Amino acid sequence: MIDFEVKDMTCGHCVGAITKALQAADKDARVEIDLGRHLVRIQPGTADAEALAGAIREAGYTPVAVQAAASAGAASGRSGGCCS
């Protein structure tokens, strides 16, 4: 599993946009999203973590690898997504 924290994912529309972007980048990926925790979990099919992060960025969001988020402390102050 590849996990990203996406702090600027704030609503159901965001979830749909990220899911659509990930499935376009990797049609075999299984995507699980926990909106309350701002967590995107992906079981990739053919894409690697960088390609999946790129797909999330292209959709207009800011993915942070969970390991990077844990070591960095707080997320950046950037506002993005559709509701911010």
N, C-alpha and C. Protein backbone atom coordinates (compact mmCIF):
# COMPACT_ATOMS: atom_id res chain seq x y z
N MET A 1 0.84 -1.19 0.00
CA MET A 1 0.00 0.00 0.00
C MET A 1 0.88 1.25 0.00
N ILE A 2 0.41 2.23 -0.70
CA ILE A 2 1.06 3.54 -0.73
C ILE A 2 0.08 4.52 -0.10
N ASP A 3 0.54 5.24 0.91
CA ASP A 3 -0.32 6.17 1.64
C ASP A 3 0.14 7.60 1.46
N PHE A 4 -0.85 8.47 1.24
CA PHE A 4 -0.59 9.90 1.16
C PHE A 4 -1.54 10.64 2.09
N GLU A 5 -1.04 11.67 2.74
CA GLU A 5 -1.88 12.62 3.46
C GLU A 5 -2.16 13.75 2.48
N VAL A 6 -3.44 14.09 2.35
CA VAL A 6 -3.83 15.15 1.41
C VAL A 6 -4.71 16.13 2.21
N LYS A 7 -4.06 17.08 2.86
CA LYS A 7 -4.77 18.01 3.75
C LYS A 7 -5.78 18.88 3.02
N ASP A 8 -5.54 19.16 1.73
CA ASP A 8 -6.46 20.02 1.00
C ASP A 8 -7.61 19.23 0.35
N MET A 9 -7.80 17.99 0.73
CA MET A 9 -8.94 17.17 0.34
C MET A 9 -10.00 17.37 1.43
N THR A 10 -11.06 18.10 1.10
CA THR A 10 -11.98 18.52 2.16
C THR A 10 -13.43 18.09 1.98
N CYS A 11 -13.79 17.48 0.85
CA CYS A 11 -15.20 17.15 0.64
C CYS A 11 -15.34 15.96 -0.31
N GLY A 12 -16.55 15.55 -0.54
CA GLY A 12 -16.82 14.44 -1.43
C GLY A 12 -16.37 14.69 -2.85
N HIS A 13 -16.47 15.94 -3.31
CA HIS A 13 -15.99 16.27 -4.65
C HIS A 13 -14.50 16.02 -4.75
N CYS A 14 -13.76 16.41 -3.73
CA CYS A 14 -12.32 16.18 -3.70
C CYS A 14 -12.01 14.68 -3.79
N VAL A 15 -12.74 13.89 -3.02
CA VAL A 15 -12.56 12.44 -3.03
C VAL A 15 -12.76 11.90 -4.44
N GLY A 16 -13.83 12.33 -5.08
CA GLY A 16 -14.12 11.88 -6.44
C GLY A 16 -13.04 12.28 -7.43
N ALA A 17 -12.57 13.51 -7.32
CA ALA A 17 -11.54 14.01 -8.24
C ALA A 17 -10.24 13.24 -8.07
N ILE A 18 -9.85 12.97 -6.84
CA ILE A 18 -8.61 12.24 -6.57
C ILE A 18 -8.75 10.79 -7.03
N THR A 19 -9.87 10.17 -6.74
CA THR A 19 -10.10 8.79 -7.16
C THR A 19 -10.04 8.68 -8.68
N LYS A 20 -10.70 9.58 -9.37
CA LYS A 20 -10.71 9.58 -10.84
C LYS A 20 -9.30 9.75 -11.40
N ALA A 21 -8.54 10.67 -10.82
CA ALA A 21 -7.18 10.93 -11.29
C ALA A 21 -6.28 9.70 -11.08
N LEU A 22 -6.42 9.06 -9.92
CA LEU A 22 -5.60 7.88 -9.64
C LEU A 22 -5.95 6.72 -10.57
N GLN A 23 -7.24 6.53 -10.82
CA GLN A 23 -7.64 5.44 -11.69
C GLN A 23 -7.27 5.70 -13.15
N ALA A 24 -7.19 6.97 -13.53
CA ALA A 24 -6.71 7.30 -14.88
C ALA A 24 -5.22 7.01 -15.01
N ALA A 25 -4.47 7.22 -13.92
CA ALA A 25 -3.03 6.97 -13.93
C ALA A 25 -2.70 5.49 -13.82
N ASP A 26 -3.58 4.73 -13.16
CA ASP A 26 -3.35 3.29 -12.94
C ASP A 26 -4.71 2.62 -12.85
N LYS A 27 -5.19 2.09 -13.97
CA LYS A 27 -6.55 1.53 -14.02
C LYS A 27 -6.74 0.33 -13.10
N ASP A 28 -5.66 -0.31 -12.69
CA ASP A 28 -5.76 -1.48 -11.81
C ASP A 28 -5.60 -1.14 -10.33
N ALA A 29 -5.38 0.13 -10.02
CA ALA A 29 -5.18 0.54 -8.63
C ALA A 29 -6.48 0.41 -7.83
N ARG A 30 -6.33 0.01 -6.58
CA ARG A 30 -7.45 0.03 -5.64
C ARG A 30 -7.23 1.23 -4.73
N VAL A 31 -8.23 2.10 -4.65
CA VAL A 31 -8.10 3.36 -3.91
C VAL A 31 -9.05 3.34 -2.72
N GLU A 32 -8.53 3.66 -1.55
CA GLU A 32 -9.32 3.81 -0.33
C GLU A 32 -9.05 5.21 0.20
N ILE A 33 -10.12 5.93 0.51
CA ILE A 33 -9.94 7.30 1.00
C ILE A 33 -10.68 7.47 2.32
N ASP A 34 -9.98 8.03 3.30
CA ASP A 34 -10.56 8.38 4.60
C ASP A 34 -10.56 9.91 4.66
N LEU A 35 -11.70 10.50 4.31
CA LEU A 35 -11.78 11.96 4.24
C LEU A 35 -11.51 12.60 5.58
N GLY A 36 -12.03 12.05 6.66
CA GLY A 36 -11.83 12.62 7.98
C GLY A 36 -10.38 12.72 8.40
N ARG A 37 -9.58 11.75 7.98
CA ARG A 37 -8.16 11.74 8.32
C ARG A 37 -7.30 12.30 7.17
N HIS A 38 -7.94 12.69 6.06
CA HIS A 38 -7.23 13.22 4.89
C HIS A 38 -6.22 12.19 4.37
N LEU A 39 -6.62 10.91 4.40
CA LEU A 39 -5.71 9.83 4.03
C LEU A 39 -6.16 9.17 2.73
N VAL A 40 -5.23 9.02 1.80
CA VAL A 40 -5.46 8.30 0.55
C VAL A 40 -4.55 7.08 0.57
N ARG A 41 -5.15 5.89 0.51
CA ARG A 41 -4.40 4.63 0.50
C ARG A 41 -4.60 4.00 -0.87
N ILE A 42 -3.51 3.57 -1.48
CA ILE A 42 -3.56 3.02 -2.83
C ILE A 42 -2.83 1.69 -2.86
N GLN A 43 -3.50 0.69 -3.41
CA GLN A 43 -2.84 -0.57 -3.76
C GLN A 43 -2.60 -0.48 -5.26
N PRO A 44 -1.37 -0.15 -5.66
CA PRO A 44 -1.12 0.11 -7.08
C PRO A 44 -1.18 -1.16 -7.91
N GLY A 45 -1.52 -0.95 -9.18
CA GLY A 45 -1.44 -2.02 -10.15
C GLY A 45 -0.10 -1.96 -10.85
N THR A 46 0.08 -0.92 -11.67
CA THR A 46 1.31 -0.80 -12.46
C THR A 46 2.10 0.47 -12.14
N ALA A 47 1.47 1.48 -11.57
CA ALA A 47 2.14 2.77 -11.33
C ALA A 47 2.95 2.74 -10.03
N ASP A 48 3.99 3.56 -10.00
CA ASP A 48 4.78 3.69 -8.77
C ASP A 48 4.28 4.88 -7.96
N ALA A 49 4.86 5.05 -6.78
CA ALA A 49 4.41 6.10 -5.86
C ALA A 49 4.53 7.49 -6.48
N GLU A 50 5.60 7.75 -7.22
CA GLU A 50 5.79 9.08 -7.80
C GLU A 50 4.73 9.37 -8.86
N ALA A 51 4.40 8.37 -9.66
CA ALA A 51 3.36 8.57 -10.68
C ALA A 51 2.01 8.82 -10.04
N LEU A 52 1.72 8.11 -8.95
CA LEU A 52 0.45 8.30 -8.26
C LEU A 52 0.39 9.68 -7.59
N ALA A 53 1.49 10.09 -6.97
CA ALA A 53 1.54 11.43 -6.37
C ALA A 53 1.37 12.49 -7.46
N GLY A 54 1.97 12.26 -8.61
CA GLY A 54 1.84 13.19 -9.72
C GLY A 54 0.40 13.31 -10.19
N ALA A 55 -0.32 12.20 -10.21
CA ALA A 55 -1.73 12.23 -10.60
C ALA A 55 -2.56 13.04 -9.61
N ILE A 56 -2.26 12.91 -8.32
CA ILE A 56 -2.97 13.69 -7.30
C ILE A 56 -2.66 15.17 -7.47
N ARG A 57 -1.39 15.51 -7.72
CA ARG A 57 -1.00 16.90 -7.95
C ARG A 57 -1.68 17.47 -9.18
N GLU A 58 -1.72 16.70 -10.25
CA GLU A 58 -2.38 17.14 -11.49
C GLU A 58 -3.86 17.44 -11.27
N ALA A 59 -4.47 16.73 -10.32
CA ALA A 59 -5.88 16.96 -10.00
C ALA A 59 -6.05 18.23 -9.15
N GLY A 60 -4.95 18.82 -8.69
CA GLY A 60 -5.01 20.08 -7.95
C GLY A 60 -4.84 19.96 -6.45
N TYR A 61 -4.29 18.85 -6.00
CA TYR A 61 -4.15 18.61 -4.56
C TYR A 61 -2.68 18.41 -4.20
N THR A 62 -2.40 18.37 -2.91
CA THR A 62 -1.03 18.31 -2.42
C THR A 62 -0.80 17.02 -1.63
N PRO A 63 -0.33 15.97 -2.30
CA PRO A 63 -0.08 14.71 -1.59
C PRO A 63 1.25 14.77 -0.84
N VAL A 64 1.24 14.24 0.37
CA VAL A 64 2.47 14.12 1.16
C VAL A 64 2.56 12.67 1.59
N ALA A 65 3.65 12.01 1.24
CA ALA A 65 3.83 10.62 1.65
C ALA A 65 3.69 10.55 3.17
N VAL A 66 3.01 9.53 3.67
CA VAL A 66 2.75 9.45 5.10
C VAL A 66 4.04 9.48 5.89
N GLN A 67 5.08 8.81 5.44
CA GLN A 67 6.36 8.82 6.14
C GLN A 67 6.93 10.24 6.18
N ALA A 68 6.83 10.97 5.08
CA ALA A 68 7.33 12.35 5.04
C ALA A 68 6.50 13.24 5.95
N ALA A 69 5.19 13.02 5.99
CA ALA A 69 4.33 13.83 6.85
C ALA A 69 4.66 13.60 8.31
N ALA A 70 4.95 12.37 8.67
CA ALA A 70 5.27 12.05 10.06
C ALA A 70 6.59 12.69 10.49
N SER A 71 7.57 12.69 9.59
CA SER A 71 8.86 13.25 9.97
C SER A 71 8.88 14.78 9.87
N ALA A 72 8.01 15.33 9.03
CA ALA A 72 7.98 16.78 8.87
C ALA A 72 7.13 17.47 9.91
N GLY A 73 6.30 16.73 10.59
CA GLY A 73 5.44 17.34 11.60
C GLY A 73 4.15 17.78 10.98
N ALA A 74 3.94 19.08 10.87
CA ALA A 74 2.69 19.61 10.32
C ALA A 74 2.77 19.72 8.81
N ALA A 75 1.61 19.72 8.19
CA ALA A 75 1.54 19.90 6.74
C ALA A 75 1.79 21.37 6.40
N SER A 76 2.08 21.60 5.14
CA SER A 76 2.31 22.98 4.72
C SER A 76 1.03 23.79 4.84
N GLY A 77 1.14 25.07 4.87
CA GLY A 77 -0.01 25.94 5.01
C GLY A 77 -0.73 26.20 3.70
N ARG A 78 -0.35 25.56 2.63
CA ARG A 78 -0.95 25.77 1.32
C ARG A 78 -2.43 25.38 1.34
N SER A 79 -3.24 26.23 0.80
CA SER A 79 -4.65 25.90 0.61
C SER A 79 -4.85 25.55 -0.84
N GLY A 80 -5.59 24.51 -1.08
CA GLY A 80 -5.84 24.09 -2.44
C GLY A 80 -7.13 23.31 -2.47
N GLY A 81 -7.26 22.48 -3.48
CA GLY A 81 -8.45 21.69 -3.61
C GLY A 81 -9.61 22.56 -4.08
N CYS A 82 -10.79 22.01 -4.00
CA CYS A 82 -11.95 22.72 -4.54
C CYS A 82 -12.66 23.60 -3.52
N CYS A 83 -12.41 23.40 -2.25
CA CYS A 83 -13.19 24.10 -1.22
C CYS A 83 -12.39 25.14 -0.44
N SER A 84 -11.11 25.22 -0.68
CA SER A 84 -10.28 26.12 0.13
C SER A 84 -10.08 27.46 -0.52
